[in-house]
Amino acid sequence: MFEHASTDNAILFTVDNMCYELVQVKKNWEAAEHDCVAKGGHLAHIPDAHRQTVISSNVQAIHSYEGVWIGLHDRQHENQFQWTSGMTLTSVYILLRIHTLPIIND
């Protein structure tokens, strides 16, 4: 399950048979998504409250709160959000207790 996971600066965990990698490296959104795709995945898709709770708990336990990227975006059409995974946006669950989309200048 973890064959594509990074060995440096990353925390691995699973939720409902999905593998998540929390990488503690500063990247802009595009670079973070590109890295995920290169490993066979996408930035995190948060489809339900259960997954949000588990992901949020892991992030809060190990992250410095500088922000994390998720796969929800409106890059094609302003204010028309979609997941990078291609999954249908039916409900929006976002890690509300932490700043989720920091601006990082390269």
C-alpha atoms as a PDB file:
ATOM      1  CA  MET A   1       0.000   0.000   0.000  1.00  0.00           C
ATOM      2  CA  PHE A   2       2.850   2.425   0.762  1.00  0.00           C
ATOM      3  CA  GLU A   3       5.112   1.601  -2.199  1.00  0.00           C
ATOM      4  CA  HIS A   4       4.965   5.168  -3.563  1.00  0.00           C
ATOM      5  CA  ALA A   5       5.253   6.932  -0.225  1.00  0.00           C
ATOM      6  CA  SER A   6       8.111   9.246   0.540  1.00  0.00           C
ATOM      7  CA  THR A   7      10.649   8.118   3.095  1.00  0.00           C
ATOM      8  CA  ASP A   8      11.756  11.599   4.139  1.00  0.00           C
ATOM      9  CA  ASN A   9       9.740  14.265   5.953  1.00  0.00           C
ATOM     10  CA  ALA A  10       6.448  12.385   5.663  1.00  0.00           C
ATOM     11  CA  ILE A  11       3.894  10.806   7.969  1.00  0.00           C
ATOM     12  CA  LEU A  12       1.797   7.960   6.576  1.00  0.00           C
ATOM     13  CA  PHE A  13      -1.656   6.940   7.791  1.00  0.00           C
ATOM     14  CA  THR A  14      -4.754   5.242   6.429  1.00  0.00           C
ATOM     15  CA  VAL A  15      -8.464   6.001   6.600  1.00  0.00           C
ATOM     16  CA  ASP A  16     -10.966   3.447   5.295  1.00  0.00           C
ATOM     17  CA  ASN A  17      -8.334   1.665   3.151  1.00  0.00           C
ATOM     18  CA  MET A  18      -7.059   4.923   1.659  1.00  0.00           C
ATOM     19  CA  CYS A  19      -3.423   5.853   2.196  1.00  0.00           C
ATOM     20  CA  TYR A  20      -2.550   9.438   3.125  1.00  0.00           C
ATOM     21  CA  GLU A  21       0.882  10.996   3.209  1.00  0.00           C
ATOM     22  CA  LEU A  22       1.403  14.190   5.169  1.00  0.00           C
ATOM     23  CA  VAL A  23       4.561  15.736   3.755  1.00  0.00           C
ATOM     24  CA  GLN A  24       6.136  18.424   5.857  1.00  0.00           C
ATOM     25  CA  VAL A  25       7.756  20.317   2.994  1.00  0.00           C
ATOM     26  CA  LYS A  26       6.672  23.736   1.748  1.00  0.00           C
ATOM     27  CA  LYS A  27       5.365  23.620  -1.819  1.00  0.00           C
ATOM     28  CA  ASN A  28       2.819  25.610  -3.749  1.00  0.00           C
ATOM     29  CA  TRP A  29      -0.504  23.947  -4.607  1.00  0.00           C
ATOM     30  CA  GLU A  30       0.527  22.965  -8.153  1.00  0.00           C
ATOM     31  CA  ALA A  31       3.816  21.400  -7.024  1.00  0.00           C
ATOM     32  CA  ALA A  32       2.054  19.505  -4.228  1.00  0.00           C
ATOM     33  CA  GLU A  33      -0.558  18.074  -6.637  1.00  0.00           C
ATOM     34  CA  HIS A  34       2.162  17.184  -9.160  1.00  0.00           C
ATOM     35  CA  ASP A  35       4.077  15.314  -6.444  1.00  0.00           C
ATOM     36  CA  CYS A  36       0.927  13.393  -5.498  1.00  0.00           C
ATOM     37  CA  VAL A  37       0.179  12.464  -9.117  1.00  0.00           C
ATOM     38  CA  ALA A  38       3.765  11.267  -9.590  1.00  0.00           C
ATOM     39  CA  LYS A  39       3.156   8.886  -6.669  1.00  0.00           C
ATOM     40  CA  GLY A  40      -0.115   7.609  -8.105  1.00  0.00           C
ATOM     41  CA  GLY A  41      -2.511   9.795  -6.115  1.00  0.00           C
ATOM     42  CA  HIS A  42      -3.898  13.289  -5.661  1.00  0.00           C
ATOM     43  CA  LEU A  43      -4.089  15.886  -2.940  1.00  0.00           C
ATOM     44  CA  ALA A  44      -6.497  14.790  -0.209  1.00  0.00           C
ATOM     45  CA  HIS A  45     -10.127  14.272  -1.124  1.00  0.00           C
ATOM     46  CA  ILE A  46     -12.368  14.674   1.935  1.00  0.00           C
ATOM     47  CA  PRO A  47     -15.692  13.041   1.017  1.00  0.00           C
ATOM     48  CA  ASP A  48     -17.346  12.729   4.417  1.00  0.00           C
ATOM     49  CA  ALA A  49     -17.316  13.847   8.054  1.00  0.00           C
ATOM     50  CA  HIS A  50     -15.637  10.629   9.258  1.00  0.00           C
ATOM     51  CA  ARG A  51     -12.665  11.046   6.945  1.00  0.00           C
ATOM     52  CA  GLN A  52     -12.452  14.742   7.818  1.00  0.00           C
ATOM     53  CA  THR A  53     -12.286  13.894  11.521  1.00  0.00           C
ATOM     54  CA  VAL A  54      -9.515  11.323  11.098  1.00  0.00           C
ATOM     55  CA  ILE A  55      -7.466  13.473   8.712  1.00  0.00           C
ATOM     56  CA  SER A  56      -7.901  16.540  10.914  1.00  0.00           C
ATOM     57  CA  SER A  57      -6.807  14.566  13.969  1.00  0.00           C
ATOM     58  CA  ASN A  58      -3.638  13.372  12.216  1.00  0.00           C
ATOM     59  CA  VAL A  59      -2.837  16.846  10.926  1.00  0.00           C
ATOM     60  CA  GLN A  60      -3.361  18.437  14.343  1.00  0.00           C
ATOM     61  CA  ALA A  61      -1.197  15.807  16.038  1.00  0.00           C
ATOM     62  CA  ILE A  62       1.836  16.206  13.800  1.00  0.00           C
ATOM     63  CA  HIS A  63       1.658  19.372  11.740  1.00  0.00           C
ATOM     64  CA  SER A  64       2.986  22.813  12.589  1.00  0.00           C
ATOM     65  CA  TYR A  65      -0.282  24.552  11.556  1.00  0.00           C
ATOM     66  CA  GLU A  66       1.380  26.498   8.774  1.00  0.00           C
ATOM     67  CA  GLY A  67      -1.326  25.063   6.537  1.00  0.00           C
ATOM     68  CA  VAL A  68      -1.979  22.010   4.424  1.00  0.00           C
ATOM     69  CA  TRP A  69      -3.119  21.601   0.846  1.00  0.00           C
ATOM     70  CA  ILE A  70      -6.187  19.582  -0.076  1.00  0.00           C
ATOM     71  CA  GLY A  71      -7.423  18.613  -3.528  1.00  0.00           C
ATOM     72  CA  LEU A  72     -10.413  20.957  -3.682  1.00  0.00           C
ATOM     73  CA  HIS A  73      -9.912  23.731  -6.232  1.00  0.00           C
ATOM     74  CA  ASP A  74     -11.618  26.180  -8.560  1.00  0.00           C
ATOM     75  CA  ARG A  75      -8.787  26.549 -11.056  1.00  0.00           C
ATOM     76  CA  GLN A  76     -10.909  25.914 -14.164  1.00  0.00           C
ATOM     77  CA  HIS A  77     -13.857  28.151 -13.241  1.00  0.00           C
ATOM     78  CA  GLU A  78     -13.871  30.665 -10.390  1.00  0.00           C
ATOM     79  CA  ASN A  79     -16.116  29.531  -7.498  1.00  0.00           C
ATOM     80  CA  GLN A  80     -16.921  26.198  -9.209  1.00  0.00           C
ATOM     81  CA  PHE A  81     -15.042  23.790  -6.971  1.00  0.00           C
ATOM     82  CA  GLN A  82     -13.996  20.273  -7.850  1.00  0.00           C
ATOM     83  CA  TRP A  83     -11.676  17.590  -6.482  1.00  0.00           C
ATOM     84  CA  THR A  84      -8.365  16.873  -8.220  1.00  0.00           C
ATOM     85  CA  SER A  85      -9.179  13.174  -7.875  1.00  0.00           C
ATOM     86  CA  GLY A  86     -12.088  13.635 -10.276  1.00  0.00           C
ATOM     87  CA  MET A  87     -14.598  12.636  -7.604  1.00  0.00           C
ATOM     88  CA  THR A  88     -17.925  14.437  -7.714  1.00  0.00           C
ATOM     89  CA  LEU A  89     -18.300  17.350  -5.349  1.00  0.00           C
ATOM     90  CA  THR A  90     -21.503  16.530  -3.465  1.00  0.00           C
ATOM     91  CA  SER A  91     -20.645  17.880  -0.038  1.00  0.00           C
ATOM     92  CA  VAL A  92     -17.759  19.959   1.164  1.00  0.00           C
ATOM     93  CA  TYR A  93     -15.859  18.877   4.221  1.00  0.00           C
ATOM     94  CA  ILE A  94     -12.835  20.994   4.996  1.00  0.00           C
ATOM     95  CA  LEU A  95     -10.444  20.989   7.899  1.00  0.00           C
ATOM     96  CA  LEU A  96     -12.109  23.951   9.536  1.00  0.00           C
ATOM     97  CA  ARG A  97      -9.971  24.134  12.642  1.00  0.00           C
ATOM     98  CA  ILE A  98      -6.765  24.768  10.730  1.00  0.00           C
ATOM     99  CA  HIS A  99      -5.792  27.110   7.936  1.00  0.00           C
ATOM    100  CA  THR A 100      -6.112  24.837   4.891  1.00  0.00           C
ATOM    101  CA  LEU A 101      -4.919  26.861   1.932  1.00  0.00           C
ATOM    102  CA  PRO A 102      -1.847  28.984   2.655  1.00  0.00           C
ATOM    103  CA  ILE A 103      -0.246  31.099  -0.004  1.00  0.00           C
ATOM    104  CA  ILE A 104       3.324  29.947  -0.517  1.00  0.00           C
ATOM    105  CA  ASN A 105       5.521  31.950  -2.848  1.00  0.00           C
ATOM    106  CA  ASP A 106       8.261  30.036  -4.636  1.00  0.00           C
END
